[in-house]
């Protein structure tokens, strides 16, 4: 919701015009009950590229389903245009679902959409989704925390917006943080990021796993070390979307 005065359960009849909904990491069985309820009731659904294929099956036949996904290296609808459409549909009195892969607030740009809706004076609901950093790791046999191996886990982006004037991510400093590191969107700069972690003090032999299309039937996992993982991934031909897990917990996978 948009403020402390709005914190009421949806089951008590409060239904904002726009819902920012997480669809989970790819396995439709991990979608929440609330996400499915909202899709079934929606007049219009703006959906992303990485939602489960079955996610829209419950939509009403008369509902409008609008693809607004972005693919690497291809032109797509800009974020400002997506924000504009959400606001326009909400103001028109439609029940709007913005359906996003994973969780809306974890590298999903849901916060930007929430800000735009708030500035436009529209109420909104946020429905969290199961995030790939935990789910895809688990489906690959990796627990991102472990009593003996890792008391912390850090989620980081594998690459930032190239238009930014300066980075918000200091990988060499991050390397000094104990525990597991999980990179989202981690393939493009895999070799560079691995080298930065080594420079920051992580051992070259530290285990790494790269998970392609986690939680789906197309899931593939390649394991290696910080020193070898880039070459192993290139040999295997892994492609986005992929998650990179760095830390001793990877060794417990088998």
C-alpha atoms as a PDB file:
ATOM      1  CA  UNK A   1       0.000   0.000   0.000  1.00  0.00           C
ATOM      2  CA  UNK A   2       1.044   3.610  -0.207  1.00  0.00           C
ATOM      3  CA  UNK A   3       1.165   4.690   3.418  1.00  0.00           C
ATOM      4  CA  UNK A   4       0.674   3.575   7.024  1.00  0.00           C
ATOM      5  CA  UNK A   5      -2.967   4.688   6.929  1.00  0.00           C
ATOM      6  CA  UNK A   6      -3.587   2.257   4.044  1.00  0.00           C
ATOM      7  CA  UNK A   7      -2.272  -0.919   5.663  1.00  0.00           C
ATOM      8  CA  UNK A   8      -5.419  -3.020   5.406  1.00  0.00           C
ATOM      9  CA  UNK A   9      -5.778  -6.586   4.253  1.00  0.00           C
ATOM     10  CA  UNK A  10      -6.997  -7.035   0.652  1.00  0.00           C
ATOM     11  CA  UNK A  11      -9.424  -9.615   2.052  1.00  0.00           C
ATOM     12  CA  UNK A  12     -11.214  -6.767   3.881  1.00  0.00           C
ATOM     13  CA  UNK A  13     -12.361  -5.197   0.647  1.00  0.00           C
ATOM     14  CA  UNK A  14      -9.545  -2.788  -0.077  1.00  0.00           C
ATOM     15  CA  UNK A  15      -8.629  -3.155  -3.746  1.00  0.00           C
ATOM     16  CA  UNK A  16      -6.368  -0.417  -5.149  1.00  0.00           C
ATOM     17  CA  UNK A  17      -6.636   0.083  -8.916  1.00  0.00           C
ATOM     18  CA  UNK A  18      -3.061  -1.038  -9.595  1.00  0.00           C
ATOM     19  CA  UNK A  19      -1.255  -4.113  -8.263  1.00  0.00           C
ATOM     20  CA  UNK A  20       2.489  -4.644  -8.639  1.00  0.00           C
ATOM     21  CA  UNK A  21       2.700  -8.425  -8.572  1.00  0.00           C
ATOM     22  CA  UNK A  22       5.644 -10.803  -8.364  1.00  0.00           C
ATOM     23  CA  UNK A  23       5.189 -13.961 -10.443  1.00  0.00           C
ATOM     24  CA  UNK A  24       8.121 -15.845  -8.928  1.00  0.00           C
ATOM     25  CA  UNK A  25      11.211 -17.300 -10.597  1.00  0.00           C
ATOM     26  CA  UNK A  26       9.692 -19.414 -13.362  1.00  0.00           C
ATOM     27  CA  UNK A  27       7.979 -22.432 -11.811  1.00  0.00           C
ATOM     28  CA  UNK A  28       4.269 -21.584 -11.831  1.00  0.00           C
ATOM     29  CA  UNK A  29       3.839 -23.673  -8.688  1.00  0.00           C
ATOM     30  CA  UNK A  30       5.726 -20.966  -6.785  1.00  0.00           C
ATOM     31  CA  UNK A  31       3.227 -18.218  -7.618  1.00  0.00           C
ATOM     32  CA  UNK A  32       1.316 -16.933  -4.604  1.00  0.00           C
ATOM     33  CA  UNK A  33      -2.402 -17.355  -4.064  1.00  0.00           C
ATOM     34  CA  UNK A  34      -2.814 -13.573  -4.024  1.00  0.00           C
ATOM     35  CA  UNK A  35      -1.064 -13.173  -7.379  1.00  0.00           C
ATOM     36  CA  UNK A  36      -3.434 -15.669  -9.010  1.00  0.00           C
ATOM     37  CA  UNK A  37      -6.490 -13.972  -7.476  1.00  0.00           C
ATOM     38  CA  UNK A  38      -5.474 -10.612  -8.895  1.00  0.00           C
ATOM     39  CA  UNK A  39      -4.769 -12.016 -12.363  1.00  0.00           C
ATOM     40  CA  UNK A  40      -8.215 -13.662 -12.395  1.00  0.00           C
ATOM     41  CA  UNK A  41      -9.892 -10.358 -11.507  1.00  0.00           C
ATOM     42  CA  UNK A  42      -7.813  -8.051 -13.733  1.00  0.00           C
ATOM     43  CA  UNK A  43      -9.149  -5.964 -16.581  1.00  0.00           C
ATOM     44  CA  UNK A  44      -5.645  -5.464 -17.958  1.00  0.00           C
ATOM     45  CA  UNK A  45      -2.341  -7.230 -17.258  1.00  0.00           C
ATOM     46  CA  UNK A  46       1.010  -5.715 -18.220  1.00  0.00           C
ATOM     47  CA  UNK A  47       3.415  -8.644 -18.126  1.00  0.00           C
ATOM     48  CA  UNK A  48       7.156  -9.174 -18.372  1.00  0.00           C
ATOM     49  CA  UNK A  49       9.278 -11.603 -20.370  1.00  0.00           C
ATOM     50  CA  UNK A  50      10.303 -13.916 -17.527  1.00  0.00           C
ATOM     51  CA  UNK A  51       6.942 -14.830 -16.042  1.00  0.00           C
ATOM     52  CA  UNK A  52       5.886 -18.502 -15.937  1.00  0.00           C
ATOM     53  CA  UNK A  53       4.154 -19.532 -19.186  1.00  0.00           C
ATOM     54  CA  UNK A  54       1.083 -20.627 -17.201  1.00  0.00           C
ATOM     55  CA  UNK A  55       0.829 -17.359 -15.273  1.00  0.00           C
ATOM     56  CA  UNK A  56      -1.852 -15.853 -17.509  1.00  0.00           C
ATOM     57  CA  UNK A  57      -4.019 -18.939 -17.872  1.00  0.00           C
ATOM     58  CA  UNK A  58      -6.418 -17.746 -15.175  1.00  0.00           C
ATOM     59  CA  UNK A  59      -7.062 -14.348 -16.779  1.00  0.00           C
ATOM     60  CA  UNK A  60     -10.619 -13.650 -17.913  1.00  0.00           C
ATOM     61  CA  UNK A  61     -11.223 -14.021 -21.678  1.00  0.00           C
ATOM     62  CA  UNK A  62     -12.127 -10.334 -21.947  1.00  0.00           C
ATOM     63  CA  UNK A  63      -9.025  -9.156 -20.053  1.00  0.00           C
ATOM     64  CA  UNK A  64      -6.396  -7.313 -22.071  1.00  0.00           C
ATOM     65  CA  UNK A  65      -2.940  -8.903 -21.879  1.00  0.00           C
ATOM     66  CA  UNK A  66      -0.138  -6.505 -22.804  1.00  0.00           C
ATOM     67  CA  UNK A  67       3.473  -7.641 -23.194  1.00  0.00           C
ATOM     68  CA  UNK A  68       5.935  -5.031 -21.952  1.00  0.00           C
ATOM     69  CA  UNK A  69       8.988  -7.245 -21.496  1.00  0.00           C
ATOM     70  CA  UNK A  70      12.548  -6.319 -22.301  1.00  0.00           C
ATOM     71  CA  UNK A  71      15.064  -8.611 -23.989  1.00  0.00           C
ATOM     72  CA  UNK A  72      18.829  -8.104 -23.835  1.00  0.00           C
ATOM     73  CA  UNK A  73      20.124  -6.301 -26.912  1.00  0.00           C
ATOM     74  CA  UNK A  74      16.653  -5.668 -28.350  1.00  0.00           C
ATOM     75  CA  UNK A  75      14.502  -2.531 -28.309  1.00  0.00           C
ATOM     76  CA  UNK A  76      11.647  -2.625 -25.856  1.00  0.00           C
ATOM     77  CA  UNK A  77       9.119  -0.427 -24.150  1.00  0.00           C
ATOM     78  CA  UNK A  78      10.903   2.115 -21.948  1.00  0.00           C
ATOM     79  CA  UNK A  79      10.224   2.313 -18.229  1.00  0.00           C
ATOM     80  CA  UNK A  80       8.670   5.786 -18.515  1.00  0.00           C
ATOM     81  CA  UNK A  81       6.182   4.490 -21.075  1.00  0.00           C
ATOM     82  CA  UNK A  82       5.299   1.540 -18.848  1.00  0.00           C
ATOM     83  CA  UNK A  83       4.735   3.951 -15.942  1.00  0.00           C
ATOM     84  CA  UNK A  84       2.523   6.123 -18.160  1.00  0.00           C
ATOM     85  CA  UNK A  85       0.371   3.172 -19.198  1.00  0.00           C
ATOM     86  CA  UNK A  86      -0.065   1.983 -15.614  1.00  0.00           C
ATOM     87  CA  UNK A  87      -1.208   5.451 -14.570  1.00  0.00           C
ATOM     88  CA  UNK A  88      -3.506   5.849 -17.584  1.00  0.00           C
ATOM     89  CA  UNK A  89      -5.169   2.466 -16.973  1.00  0.00           C
ATOM     90  CA  UNK A  90      -5.512   3.097 -13.241  1.00  0.00           C
ATOM     91  CA  UNK A  91      -7.118   6.484 -13.810  1.00  0.00           C
ATOM     92  CA  UNK A  92      -9.539   4.877 -16.274  1.00  0.00           C
ATOM     93  CA  UNK A  93     -10.914   2.774 -13.432  1.00  0.00           C
ATOM     94  CA  UNK A  94      -9.506  -0.515 -14.690  1.00  0.00           C
ATOM     95  CA  UNK A  95      -8.242  -3.240 -12.388  1.00  0.00           C
ATOM     96  CA  UNK A  96      -4.571  -3.282 -13.361  1.00  0.00           C
ATOM     97  CA  UNK A  97      -1.976  -5.965 -12.707  1.00  0.00           C
ATOM     98  CA  UNK A  98       1.673  -5.261 -13.422  1.00  0.00           C
ATOM     99  CA  UNK A  99       3.067  -8.787 -13.504  1.00  0.00           C
ATOM    100  CA  UNK A 100       6.807  -9.077 -12.996  1.00  0.00           C
ATOM    101  CA  UNK A 101       9.181 -12.026 -12.821  1.00  0.00           C
ATOM    102  CA  UNK A 102      10.535 -12.796  -9.363  1.00  0.00           C
ATOM    103  CA  UNK A 103       9.808 -10.089  -6.799  1.00  0.00           C
ATOM    104  CA  UNK A 104       8.804  -6.553  -7.846  1.00  0.00           C
ATOM    105  CA  UNK A 105      11.209  -4.891  -5.423  1.00  0.00           C
ATOM    106  CA  UNK A 106      14.332  -6.980  -6.041  1.00  0.00           C
ATOM    107  CA  UNK A 107      16.000  -5.760  -9.259  1.00  0.00           C
ATOM    108  CA  UNK A 108      12.519  -5.580 -10.759  1.00  0.00           C
ATOM    109  CA  UNK A 109      12.096  -1.776 -11.035  1.00  0.00           C
ATOM    110  CA  UNK A 110       8.903  -2.091  -9.036  1.00  0.00           C
ATOM    111  CA  UNK A 111      10.032   0.750  -6.778  1.00  0.00           C
ATOM    112  CA  UNK A 112      10.173   3.101  -9.769  1.00  0.00           C
ATOM    113  CA  UNK A 113       6.652   2.102 -10.778  1.00  0.00           C
ATOM    114  CA  UNK A 114       5.441   2.570  -7.201  1.00  0.00           C
ATOM    115  CA  UNK A 115       6.970   6.060  -7.093  1.00  0.00           C
ATOM    116  CA  UNK A 116       5.294   7.001 -10.374  1.00  0.00           C
ATOM    117  CA  UNK A 117       1.903   5.750  -9.161  1.00  0.00           C
ATOM    118  CA  UNK A 118       2.249   7.616  -5.884  1.00  0.00           C
ATOM    119  CA  UNK A 119       3.188  10.847  -7.658  1.00  0.00           C
ATOM    120  CA  UNK A 120       0.111  10.391  -9.866  1.00  0.00           C
ATOM    121  CA  UNK A 121      -2.097  10.072  -6.776  1.00  0.00           C
ATOM    122  CA  UNK A 122      -2.984   6.424  -7.402  1.00  0.00           C
ATOM    123  CA  UNK A 123      -3.188   3.816  -4.662  1.00  0.00           C
ATOM    124  CA  UNK A 124      -1.430   0.542  -5.325  1.00  0.00           C
ATOM    125  CA  UNK A 125      -0.839  -2.861  -3.823  1.00  0.00           C
ATOM    126  CA  UNK A 126       2.473  -4.728  -3.803  1.00  0.00           C
ATOM    127  CA  UNK A 127       2.386  -8.523  -3.910  1.00  0.00           C
ATOM    128  CA  UNK A 128       5.819 -10.006  -3.188  1.00  0.00           C
ATOM    129  CA  UNK A 129       7.059 -12.930  -5.241  1.00  0.00           C
ATOM    130  CA  UNK A 130       9.502 -15.746  -4.572  1.00  0.00           C
ATOM    131  CA  UNK A 131      12.863 -14.465  -5.739  1.00  0.00           C
ATOM    132  CA  UNK A 132      15.233 -16.441  -7.951  1.00  0.00           C
ATOM    133  CA  UNK A 133      18.208 -15.820  -5.671  1.00  0.00           C
ATOM    134  CA  UNK A 134      16.726 -18.228  -3.155  1.00  0.00           C
ATOM    135  CA  UNK A 135      14.463 -20.398  -5.319  1.00  0.00           C
ATOM    136  CA  UNK A 136      16.763 -21.105  -8.269  1.00  0.00           C
ATOM    137  CA  UNK A 137      19.617 -21.786  -5.872  1.00  0.00           C
ATOM    138  CA  UNK A 138      17.449 -24.248  -3.945  1.00  0.00           C
ATOM    139  CA  UNK A 139      16.301 -25.995  -7.135  1.00  0.00           C
ATOM    140  CA  UNK A 140      19.986 -26.376  -8.022  1.00  0.00           C
ATOM    141  CA  UNK A 141      20.659 -27.979  -4.628  1.00  0.00           C
ATOM    142  CA  UNK A 142      22.281 -24.924  -3.052  1.00  0.00           C
ATOM    143  CA  UNK A 143      21.284 -23.456   0.303  1.00  0.00           C
ATOM    144  CA  UNK A 144      22.479 -19.839   0.214  1.00  0.00           C
ATOM    145  CA  UNK A 145      22.964 -19.886   3.975  1.00  0.00           C
ATOM    146  CA  UNK A 146      24.268 -22.753   6.086  1.00  0.00           C
ATOM    147  CA  UNK A 147      25.019 -23.033   9.791  1.00  0.00           C
ATOM    148  CA  UNK A 148      28.604 -24.114   9.154  1.00  0.00           C
ATOM    149  CA  UNK A 149      29.372 -22.467   5.804  1.00  0.00           C
ATOM    150  CA  UNK A 150      27.592 -19.118   5.488  1.00  0.00           C
ATOM    151  CA  UNK A 151      25.870 -16.892   8.035  1.00  0.00           C
ATOM    152  CA  UNK A 152      25.019 -14.204   5.474  1.00  0.00           C
ATOM    153  CA  UNK A 153      23.931 -13.803   1.879  1.00  0.00           C
ATOM    154  CA  UNK A 154      24.276 -10.729  -0.344  1.00  0.00           C
ATOM    155  CA  UNK A 155      22.152 -10.134  -3.440  1.00  0.00           C
ATOM    156  CA  UNK A 156      23.852  -7.969  -6.071  1.00  0.00           C
ATOM    157  CA  UNK A 157      23.272  -7.013  -9.680  1.00  0.00           C
ATOM    158  CA  UNK A 158      25.692  -8.527 -12.158  1.00  0.00           C
ATOM    159  CA  UNK A 159      25.727  -5.366 -14.244  1.00  0.00           C
ATOM    160  CA  UNK A 160      24.398  -1.875 -13.730  1.00  0.00           C
ATOM    161  CA  UNK A 161      22.699   0.594 -16.039  1.00  0.00           C
ATOM    162  CA  UNK A 162      25.452   1.766 -18.432  1.00  0.00           C
ATOM    163  CA  UNK A 163      23.898   5.240 -18.435  1.00  0.00           C
ATOM    164  CA  UNK A 164      24.724   5.752 -14.747  1.00  0.00           C
ATOM    165  CA  UNK A 165      27.447   8.326 -14.095  1.00  0.00           C
ATOM    166  CA  UNK A 166      29.025   6.202 -11.368  1.00  0.00           C
ATOM    167  CA  UNK A 167      28.631   2.697  -9.972  1.00  0.00           C
ATOM    168  CA  UNK A 168      26.729   1.919  -6.781  1.00  0.00           C
ATOM    169  CA  UNK A 169      28.539  -1.406  -6.507  1.00  0.00           C
ATOM    170  CA  UNK A 170      32.085  -1.856  -5.189  1.00  0.00           C
ATOM    171  CA  UNK A 171      32.853  -5.511  -5.889  1.00  0.00           C
ATOM    172  CA  UNK A 172      36.285  -5.462  -4.293  1.00  0.00           C
ATOM    173  CA  UNK A 173      34.758  -4.189  -1.068  1.00  0.00           C
ATOM    174  CA  UNK A 174      31.884  -6.657  -1.428  1.00  0.00           C
ATOM    175  CA  UNK A 175      34.436  -9.475  -1.654  1.00  0.00           C
ATOM    176  CA  UNK A 176      35.487  -8.733   1.925  1.00  0.00           C
ATOM    177  CA  UNK A 177      31.940  -9.333   3.181  1.00  0.00           C
ATOM    178  CA  UNK A 178      31.631 -12.871   4.611  1.00  0.00           C
ATOM    179  CA  UNK A 179      29.098 -15.292   3.228  1.00  0.00           C
ATOM    180  CA  UNK A 180      27.418 -16.114  -0.063  1.00  0.00           C
ATOM    181  CA  UNK A 181      27.086 -13.657  -2.936  1.00  0.00           C
ATOM    182  CA  UNK A 182      24.272 -14.084  -5.443  1.00  0.00           C
ATOM    183  CA  UNK A 183      24.462 -12.092  -8.674  1.00  0.00           C
ATOM    184  CA  UNK A 184      21.332 -11.452 -10.698  1.00  0.00           C
ATOM    185  CA  UNK A 185      21.844 -10.815 -14.431  1.00  0.00           C
ATOM    186  CA  UNK A 186      25.335 -12.140 -13.897  1.00  0.00           C
ATOM    187  CA  UNK A 187      26.454 -13.543 -17.263  1.00  0.00           C
ATOM    188  CA  UNK A 188      27.398 -10.424 -19.190  1.00  0.00           C
ATOM    189  CA  UNK A 189      30.202  -9.417 -16.834  1.00  0.00           C
ATOM    190  CA  UNK A 190      30.924 -12.804 -15.280  1.00  0.00           C
ATOM    191  CA  UNK A 191      34.666 -12.797 -15.989  1.00  0.00           C
ATOM    192  CA  UNK A 192      35.100  -9.177 -14.857  1.00  0.00           C
ATOM    193  CA  UNK A 193      33.108  -9.710 -11.677  1.00  0.00           C
ATOM    194  CA  UNK A 194      34.993 -12.885 -10.785  1.00  0.00           C
ATOM    195  CA  UNK A 195      38.306 -11.078 -11.269  1.00  0.00           C
ATOM    196  CA  UNK A 196      37.128  -8.193  -9.064  1.00  0.00           C
ATOM    197  CA  UNK A 197      36.181 -10.580  -6.266  1.00  0.00           C
ATOM    198  CA  UNK A 198      39.604 -12.198  -6.457  1.00  0.00           C
ATOM    199  CA  UNK A 199      41.259  -8.778  -6.274  1.00  0.00           C
ATOM    200  CA  UNK A 200      39.117  -8.061  -3.234  1.00  0.00           C
ATOM    201  CA  UNK A 201      40.427 -11.118  -1.429  1.00  0.00           C
ATOM    202  CA  UNK A 202      38.176 -14.008  -2.368  1.00  0.00           C
ATOM    203  CA  UNK A 203      40.284 -17.107  -3.092  1.00  0.00           C
ATOM    204  CA  UNK A 204      40.560 -18.025  -6.805  1.00  0.00           C
ATOM    205  CA  UNK A 205      39.471 -21.549  -5.885  1.00  0.00           C
ATOM    206  CA  UNK A 206      36.231 -20.411  -4.236  1.00  0.00           C
ATOM    207  CA  UNK A 207      33.285 -22.428  -5.620  1.00  0.00           C
ATOM    208  CA  UNK A 208      30.849 -20.809  -8.058  1.00  0.00           C
ATOM    209  CA  UNK A 209      27.660 -22.089  -9.694  1.00  0.00           C
ATOM    210  CA  UNK A 210      25.820 -20.497 -12.618  1.00  0.00           C
ATOM    211  CA  UNK A 211      22.149 -21.426 -12.941  1.00  0.00           C
ATOM    212  CA  UNK A 212      20.430 -20.879 -16.288  1.00  0.00           C
ATOM    213  CA  UNK A 213      16.608 -20.576 -16.335  1.00  0.00           C
ATOM    214  CA  UNK A 214      16.339 -21.680 -12.715  1.00  0.00           C
ATOM    215  CA  UNK A 215      13.255 -23.575 -11.453  1.00  0.00           C
ATOM    216  CA  UNK A 216      12.095 -24.325 -15.017  1.00  0.00           C
ATOM    217  CA  UNK A 217      12.353 -27.591 -16.999  1.00  0.00           C
ATOM    218  CA  UNK A 218      15.126 -25.898 -19.023  1.00  0.00           C
ATOM    219  CA  UNK A 219      17.300 -25.325 -15.950  1.00  0.00           C
ATOM    220  CA  UNK A 220      21.025 -25.978 -16.410  1.00  0.00           C
ATOM    221  CA  UNK A 221      23.794 -25.597 -13.841  1.00  0.00           C
ATOM    222  CA  UNK A 222      27.514 -25.167 -14.446  1.00  0.00           C
ATOM    223  CA  UNK A 223      29.930 -25.270 -11.513  1.00  0.00           C
ATOM    224  CA  UNK A 224      33.508 -24.085 -11.233  1.00  0.00           C
ATOM    225  CA  UNK A 225      35.631 -21.650  -9.276  1.00  0.00           C
ATOM    226  CA  UNK A 226      36.147 -17.913  -9.478  1.00  0.00           C
ATOM    227  CA  UNK A 227      39.173 -18.667 -11.622  1.00  0.00           C
ATOM    228  CA  UNK A 228      37.512 -21.139 -14.005  1.00  0.00           C
ATOM    229  CA  UNK A 229      33.796 -20.318 -14.108  1.00  0.00           C
ATOM    230  CA  UNK A 230      33.824 -17.878 -17.049  1.00  0.00           C
ATOM    231  CA  UNK A 231      35.488 -20.435 -19.305  1.00  0.00           C
ATOM    232  CA  UNK A 232      33.208 -23.241 -18.122  1.00  0.00           C
ATOM    233  CA  UNK A 233      30.099 -21.172 -18.824  1.00  0.00           C
ATOM    234  CA  UNK A 234      31.340 -20.209 -22.283  1.00  0.00           C
ATOM    235  CA  UNK A 235      32.063 -23.858 -23.097  1.00  0.00           C
ATOM    236  CA  UNK A 236      28.596 -24.899 -21.936  1.00  0.00           C
ATOM    237  CA  UNK A 237      26.940 -22.103 -23.927  1.00  0.00           C
ATOM    238  CA  UNK A 238      24.781 -20.801 -21.081  1.00  0.00           C
ATOM    239  CA  UNK A 239      22.538 -17.857 -21.916  1.00  0.00           C
ATOM    240  CA  UNK A 240      20.478 -15.345 -19.904  1.00  0.00           C
ATOM    241  CA  UNK A 241      18.553 -15.395 -17.702  1.00  0.00           C
ATOM    242  CA  UNK A 242      21.140 -16.797 -15.333  1.00  0.00           C
ATOM    243  CA  UNK A 243      22.022 -16.496 -11.676  1.00  0.00           C
ATOM    244  CA  UNK A 244      25.563 -16.656 -10.280  1.00  0.00           C
ATOM    245  CA  UNK A 245      26.140 -18.057  -6.789  1.00  0.00           C
ATOM    246  CA  UNK A 246      29.536 -17.533  -5.169  1.00  0.00           C
ATOM    247  CA  UNK A 247      30.598 -19.161  -1.909  1.00  0.00           C
ATOM    248  CA  UNK A 248      31.482 -22.320  -0.057  1.00  0.00           C
ATOM    249  CA  UNK A 249      27.830 -23.424   0.031  1.00  0.00           C
ATOM    250  CA  UNK A 250      28.142 -24.339  -3.654  1.00  0.00           C
ATOM    251  CA  UNK A 251      30.389 -27.259  -2.668  1.00  0.00           C
ATOM    252  CA  UNK A 252      27.494 -28.837  -0.734  1.00  0.00           C
ATOM    253  CA  UNK A 253      25.367 -29.084  -3.880  1.00  0.00           C
ATOM    254  CA  UNK A 254      26.056 -32.701  -4.762  1.00  0.00           C
END
